[in-house]
C-alpha atoms as a PDB file:
ATOM      1  CA  MET A   1       0.000   0.000   0.000  1.00  0.00           C
ATOM      2  CA  HIS A   2       1.271   3.448  -0.929  1.00  0.00           C
ATOM      3  CA  GLY A   3       2.672   5.306   2.073  1.00  0.00           C
ATOM      4  CA  THR A   4       3.499   2.177   4.028  1.00  0.00           C
ATOM      5  CA  GLU A   5       6.878   1.672   2.368  1.00  0.00           C
ATOM      6  CA  SER A   6       9.886   1.778   4.632  1.00  0.00           C
ATOM      7  CA  PRO A   7      11.443   5.174   5.150  1.00  0.00           C
ATOM      8  CA  SER A   8      14.486   5.948   3.080  1.00  0.00           C
ATOM      9  CA  PRO A   9      17.609   4.396   4.638  1.00  0.00           C
ATOM     10  CA  TRP A  10      19.262   7.825   4.291  1.00  0.00           C
ATOM     11  CA  VAL A  11      16.476   9.457   6.307  1.00  0.00           C
ATOM     12  CA  GLN A  12      16.643   6.706   8.908  1.00  0.00           C
ATOM     13  CA  ARG A  13      20.418   6.982   9.190  1.00  0.00           C
ATOM     14  CA  TRP A  14      20.451  10.753   9.793  1.00  0.00           C
ATOM     15  CA  SER A  15      17.180  11.271  11.662  1.00  0.00           C
ATOM     16  CA  HIS A  16      19.116  11.425  14.959  1.00  0.00           C
ATOM     17  CA  LEU A  17      20.338  14.886  13.881  1.00  0.00           C
ATOM     18  CA  ILE A  18      16.834  16.249  14.483  1.00  0.00           C
ATOM     19  CA  PRO A  19      16.468  17.258  18.136  1.00  0.00           C
ATOM     20  CA  ALA A  20      14.236  14.979  20.215  1.00  0.00           C
ATOM     21  CA  GLY A  21      10.635  16.120  20.055  1.00  0.00           C
ATOM     22  CA  GLY A  22      11.430  18.747  17.406  1.00  0.00           C
ATOM     23  CA  ALA A  23       8.839  19.529  14.739  1.00  0.00           C
ATOM     24  CA  VAL A  24       9.517  17.911  11.360  1.00  0.00           C
ATOM     25  CA  LEU A  25       8.354  19.067   7.923  1.00  0.00           C
ATOM     26  CA  ASP A  26       8.087  16.566   5.076  1.00  0.00           C
ATOM     27  CA  VAL A  27       8.122  18.436   1.750  1.00  0.00           C
ATOM     28  CA  ALA A  28       6.166  16.716  -1.044  1.00  0.00           C
ATOM     29  CA  CYS A  29       5.175  14.192   1.618  1.00  0.00           C
ATOM     30  CA  GLY A  30       3.221  11.843  -0.612  1.00  0.00           C
ATOM     31  CA  HIS A  31       1.381   9.252   1.432  1.00  0.00           C
ATOM     32  CA  GLY A  32       3.523   9.879   4.491  1.00  0.00           C
ATOM     33  CA  ARG A  33       6.203   7.243   4.931  1.00  0.00           C
ATOM     34  CA  HIS A  34       8.557   9.793   6.522  1.00  0.00           C
ATOM     35  CA  MET A  35       5.809  11.526   8.480  1.00  0.00           C
ATOM     36  CA  ARG A  36       4.949   8.138   9.977  1.00  0.00           C
ATOM     37  CA  TRP A  37       8.618   7.463  10.759  1.00  0.00           C
ATOM     38  CA  PHE A  38       9.061  10.720  12.669  1.00  0.00           C
ATOM     39  CA  ALA A  39       5.630  10.686  14.341  1.00  0.00           C
ATOM     40  CA  GLY A  40       6.467   7.204  15.600  1.00  0.00           C
ATOM     41  CA  ARG A  41       9.554   8.675  17.254  1.00  0.00           C
ATOM     42  CA  GLY A  42       7.649  11.378  19.085  1.00  0.00           C
ATOM     43  CA  HIS A  43       8.065  14.276  16.669  1.00  0.00           C
ATOM     44  CA  PRO A  44       5.157  16.545  15.778  1.00  0.00           C
ATOM     45  CA  VAL A  45       4.956  16.349  11.993  1.00  0.00           C
ATOM     46  CA  SER A  46       3.773  18.512   9.136  1.00  0.00           C
ATOM     47  CA  GLY A  47       3.520  17.501   5.524  1.00  0.00           C
ATOM     48  CA  VAL A  48       2.839  19.470   2.385  1.00  0.00           C
ATOM     49  CA  ASP A  49       1.749  17.992  -0.930  1.00  0.00           C
ATOM     50  CA  ARG A  50      -0.391  19.004  -3.904  1.00  0.00           C
ATOM     51  CA  SER A  51      -2.266  15.710  -4.037  1.00  0.00           C
ATOM     52  CA  PRO A  52      -5.597  15.661  -2.183  1.00  0.00           C
ATOM     53  CA  GLU A  53      -5.273  11.854  -1.877  1.00  0.00           C
ATOM     54  CA  ALA A  54      -1.845  12.186  -0.259  1.00  0.00           C
ATOM     55  CA  ILE A  55      -3.044  14.822   2.188  1.00  0.00           C
ATOM     56  CA  GLU A  56      -6.063  12.686   3.064  1.00  0.00           C
ATOM     57  CA  ALA A  57      -3.707   9.758   3.765  1.00  0.00           C
ATOM     58  CA  VAL A  58      -1.602  11.794   6.238  1.00  0.00           C
ATOM     59  CA  ALA A  59      -4.334  13.920   7.796  1.00  0.00           C
ATOM     60  CA  GLY A  60      -4.348  12.014  11.074  1.00  0.00           C
ATOM     61  CA  LEU A  61      -0.581  12.208  11.554  1.00  0.00           C
ATOM     62  CA  GLY A  62      -0.218  15.941  12.085  1.00  0.00           C
ATOM     63  CA  ASP A  63      -0.470  19.181  10.155  1.00  0.00           C
ATOM     64  CA  ALA A  64      -1.376  18.177   6.574  1.00  0.00           C
ATOM     65  CA  VAL A  65      -1.159  21.055   4.111  1.00  0.00           C
ATOM     66  CA  LEU A  66      -2.676  20.803   0.630  1.00  0.00           C
ATOM     67  CA  ALA A  67      -0.765  23.211  -1.600  1.00  0.00           C
ATOM     68  CA  ASP A  68       0.752  23.394  -5.052  1.00  0.00           C
ATOM     69  CA  ILE A  69       4.183  24.611  -3.946  1.00  0.00           C
ATOM     70  CA  GLU A  70       5.430  24.787  -7.526  1.00  0.00           C
ATOM     71  CA  ASN A  71       2.784  27.209  -8.761  1.00  0.00           C
ATOM     72  CA  GLY A  72       1.613  28.993  -5.627  1.00  0.00           C
ATOM     73  CA  PRO A  73       3.044  30.701  -2.587  1.00  0.00           C
ATOM     74  CA  TRP A  74       4.980  28.754   0.028  1.00  0.00           C
ATOM     75  CA  PRO A  75       2.200  27.766   2.460  1.00  0.00           C
ATOM     76  CA  LEU A  76       4.444  27.714   5.540  1.00  0.00           C
ATOM     77  CA  ALA A  77       5.936  31.207   5.235  1.00  0.00           C
ATOM     78  CA  GLY A  78       7.650  32.336   8.404  1.00  0.00           C
ATOM     79  CA  ARG A  79       7.663  28.854   9.964  1.00  0.00           C
ATOM     80  CA  THR A  80      10.804  26.913  10.765  1.00  0.00           C
ATOM     81  CA  PHE A  81      11.240  23.303  11.788  1.00  0.00           C
ATOM     82  CA  GLN A  82      13.791  21.287  13.724  1.00  0.00           C
ATOM     83  CA  GLY A  83      13.777  18.843  10.853  1.00  0.00           C
ATOM     84  CA  VAL A  84      13.066  19.258   7.150  1.00  0.00           C
ATOM     85  CA  VAL A  85      12.923  16.109   5.026  1.00  0.00           C
ATOM     86  CA  VAL A  86      12.758  15.908   1.240  1.00  0.00           C
ATOM     87  CA  THR A  87      12.999  12.716  -0.812  1.00  0.00           C
ATOM     88  CA  ASN A  88      12.545  12.096  -4.523  1.00  0.00           C
ATOM     89  CA  TYR A  89      11.515  15.688  -5.170  1.00  0.00           C
ATOM     90  CA  LEU A  90      13.202  18.656  -6.812  1.00  0.00           C
ATOM     91  CA  TRP A  91      11.850  22.087  -7.676  1.00  0.00           C
ATOM     92  CA  ARG A  92      14.913  24.296  -7.854  1.00  0.00           C
ATOM     93  CA  THR A  93      13.198  27.590  -7.131  1.00  0.00           C
ATOM     94  CA  LEU A  94      12.112  26.151  -3.754  1.00  0.00           C
ATOM     95  CA  LEU A  95      15.600  25.133  -2.610  1.00  0.00           C
ATOM     96  CA  PRO A  96      16.275  28.444  -0.786  1.00  0.00           C
ATOM     97  CA  GLN A  97      12.847  28.272   0.923  1.00  0.00           C
ATOM     98  CA  ILE A  98      13.402  24.678   1.984  1.00  0.00           C
ATOM     99  CA  VAL A  99      16.839  25.466   3.438  1.00  0.00           C
ATOM    100  CA  SER A 100      15.551  28.570   5.230  1.00  0.00           C
ATOM    101  CA  SER A 101      12.825  26.425   6.841  1.00  0.00           C
ATOM    102  CA  VAL A 102      15.479  24.698   8.979  1.00  0.00           C
ATOM    103  CA  ALA A 103      15.493  26.245  12.474  1.00  0.00           C
ATOM    104  CA  PRO A 104      18.721  26.911  14.396  1.00  0.00           C
ATOM    105  CA  GLY A 105      19.827  23.586  15.828  1.00  0.00           C
ATOM    106  CA  GLY A 106      17.708  21.759  13.247  1.00  0.00           C
ATOM    107  CA  ALA A 107      18.614  19.491  10.358  1.00  0.00           C
ATOM    108  CA  LEU A 108      17.874  19.093   6.666  1.00  0.00           C
ATOM    109  CA  ILE A 109      17.797  15.564   5.291  1.00  0.00           C
ATOM    110  CA  TYR A 110      17.460  15.630   1.508  1.00  0.00           C
ATOM    111  CA  GLU A 111      17.730  12.867  -1.086  1.00  0.00           C
ATOM    112  CA  THR A 112      16.699  12.941  -4.721  1.00  0.00           C
ATOM    113  CA  PHE A 113      17.705  11.977  -8.225  1.00  0.00           C
ATOM    114  CA  ALA A 114      20.865  13.282  -9.846  1.00  0.00           C
ATOM    115  CA  THR A 115      22.388  13.698 -13.257  1.00  0.00           C
ATOM    116  CA  GLY A 116      23.052  10.281 -14.723  1.00  0.00           C
ATOM    117  CA  ASN A 117      19.630   8.933 -13.783  1.00  0.00           C
ATOM    118  CA  GLU A 118      18.509   9.511 -17.351  1.00  0.00           C
ATOM    119  CA  THR A 119      20.709   6.524 -18.318  1.00  0.00           C
ATOM    120  CA  VAL A 120      18.844   4.090 -16.051  1.00  0.00           C
ATOM    121  CA  GLY A 121      15.245   5.309 -15.876  1.00  0.00           C
ATOM    122  CA  LYS A 122      12.953   8.077 -14.749  1.00  0.00           C
ATOM    123  CA  PRO A 123      13.048  10.844 -13.910  1.00  0.00           C
ATOM    124  CA  SER A 124      15.161  11.629 -16.926  1.00  0.00           C
ATOM    125  CA  ARG A 125      14.455  15.322 -17.579  1.00  0.00           C
ATOM    126  CA  PRO A 126      17.290  17.622 -16.475  1.00  0.00           C
ATOM    127  CA  ASP A 127      14.714  19.777 -14.633  1.00  0.00           C
ATOM    128  CA  PHE A 128      14.288  16.946 -12.132  1.00  0.00           C
ATOM    129  CA  LEU A 129      17.922  15.861 -11.768  1.00  0.00           C
ATOM    130  CA  LEU A 130      20.391  17.565  -9.462  1.00  0.00           C
ATOM    131  CA  GLN A 131      23.607  18.755 -11.049  1.00  0.00           C
ATOM    132  CA  PRO A 132      26.958  17.779  -9.459  1.00  0.00           C
ATOM    133  CA  GLY A 133      27.397  19.633  -6.170  1.00  0.00           C
ATOM    134  CA  GLU A 134      24.006  21.340  -6.388  1.00  0.00           C
ATOM    135  CA  LEU A 135      22.845  20.299  -2.916  1.00  0.00           C
ATOM    136  CA  LEU A 136      26.173  21.385  -1.442  1.00  0.00           C
ATOM    137  CA  ARG A 137      25.748  24.838  -2.952  1.00  0.00           C
ATOM    138  CA  ALA A 138      22.133  25.071  -1.764  1.00  0.00           C
ATOM    139  CA  CYS A 139      23.259  24.220   1.780  1.00  0.00           C
ATOM    140  CA  GLN A 140      26.192  26.637   1.945  1.00  0.00           C
ATOM    141  CA  ASP A 141      24.726  28.307   5.067  1.00  0.00           C
ATOM    142  CA  LEU A 142      24.358  24.967   6.855  1.00  0.00           C
ATOM    143  CA  ARG A 143      26.974  22.660   8.316  1.00  0.00           C
ATOM    144  CA  VAL A 144      27.170  19.564   6.123  1.00  0.00           C
ATOM    145  CA  VAL A 145      27.394  16.384   8.173  1.00  0.00           C
ATOM    146  CA  ALA A 146      27.117  13.917   5.273  1.00  0.00           C
ATOM    147  CA  TYR A 147      26.914  14.165   1.504  1.00  0.00           C
ATOM    148  CA  GLU A 148      26.802  11.609  -1.279  1.00  0.00           C
ATOM    149  CA  ASP A 149      26.526  11.895  -5.039  1.00  0.00           C
ATOM    150  CA  GLY A 150      26.569   8.688  -7.026  1.00  0.00           C
ATOM    151  CA  PHE A 151      24.991   5.488  -8.224  1.00  0.00           C
ATOM    152  CA  ILE A 152      22.899   3.038  -6.189  1.00  0.00           C
ATOM    153  CA  GLU A 153      22.467  -0.489  -7.548  1.00  0.00           C
ATOM    154  CA  GLU A 154      19.045  -1.524  -6.234  1.00  0.00           C
ATOM    155  CA  PRO A 155      16.894  -0.121  -7.580  1.00  0.00           C
ATOM    156  CA  ALA A 156      19.277   1.331 -10.138  1.00  0.00           C
ATOM    157  CA  ARG A 157      19.397   5.108  -9.757  1.00  0.00           C
ATOM    158  CA  PHE A 158      21.700   8.092  -9.492  1.00  0.00           C
ATOM    159  CA  VAL A 159      21.145  10.150  -6.350  1.00  0.00           C
ATOM    160  CA  GLN A 160      22.463  13.119  -4.499  1.00  0.00           C
ATOM    161  CA  ARG A 161      21.797  13.345  -0.779  1.00  0.00           C
ATOM    162  CA  ILE A 162      22.762  15.510   2.116  1.00  0.00           C
ATOM    163  CA  ALA A 163      22.369  15.705   5.864  1.00  0.00           C
ATOM    164  CA  ALA A 164      23.108  19.186   7.161  1.00  0.00           C
ATOM    165  CA  VAL A 165      22.428  21.195  10.309  1.00  0.00           C
ATOM    166  CA  ARG A 166      21.857  24.851  10.988  1.00  0.00           C
ATOM    167  CA  PRO A 167      24.078  25.698  13.955  1.00  0.00           C
ATOM    168  CA  HIS A 168      22.805  27.979  16.682  1.00  0.00           C
ATOM    169  CA  PRO A 169      24.214  31.504  16.121  1.00  0.00           C
ATOM    170  CA  ALA A 170      26.489  31.311  19.190  1.00  0.00           C
ATOM    171  CA  GLU A 171      27.698  27.808  18.374  1.00  0.00           C
ATOM    172  CA  ARG A 172      31.276  27.757  17.126  1.00  0.00           C
ATOM    173  CA  THR A 173      31.866  24.034  17.071  1.00  0.00           C
ATOM    174  CA  ALA A 174      29.406  21.276  17.606  1.00  0.00           C
ATOM    175  CA  ARG A 175      29.546  17.532  17.553  1.00  0.00           C
ATOM    176  CA  TYR A 176      27.107  15.693  15.376  1.00  0.00           C
ATOM    177  CA  PRO A 177      27.285  11.927  15.913  1.00  0.00           C
ATOM    178  CA  LEU A 178      27.829   9.870  12.780  1.00  0.00           C
END
């Protein structure tokens, strides 16, 4: 059933970067596999998606926002979250908004398709494939804890993924467990 798939291993691996009990936003949440993951760990969750069916599927988990974030205003203007999660989604003009939605002390966990994916399947349009280093550049104001850009065998796909934190303003050095 859609939405009951396991959370991304990348999201699972880096979810400890999000402070305990911190609010989590799932961008383009779909049927809520990551909302369920974080809600099950005691996080208040919000999800935004343009699909009424997806929003209906996550309505009982937390704040479910129906919005076309590609063609309308950002529906969560002024709000920040201790965790922002994005998987299998790219709309370049939203990258600055997504990054700015990470609160001080919070984390961004992002994973999506990258250049090269056109050789193994969909998505194949350059509009939906990250260019080399693109997530690193988008996260230049965050502290990168982990970054990967390459090929995954099963299922065959090219991905780029990042786990990054927004340090508190007074924080000079911090330890983020790997």
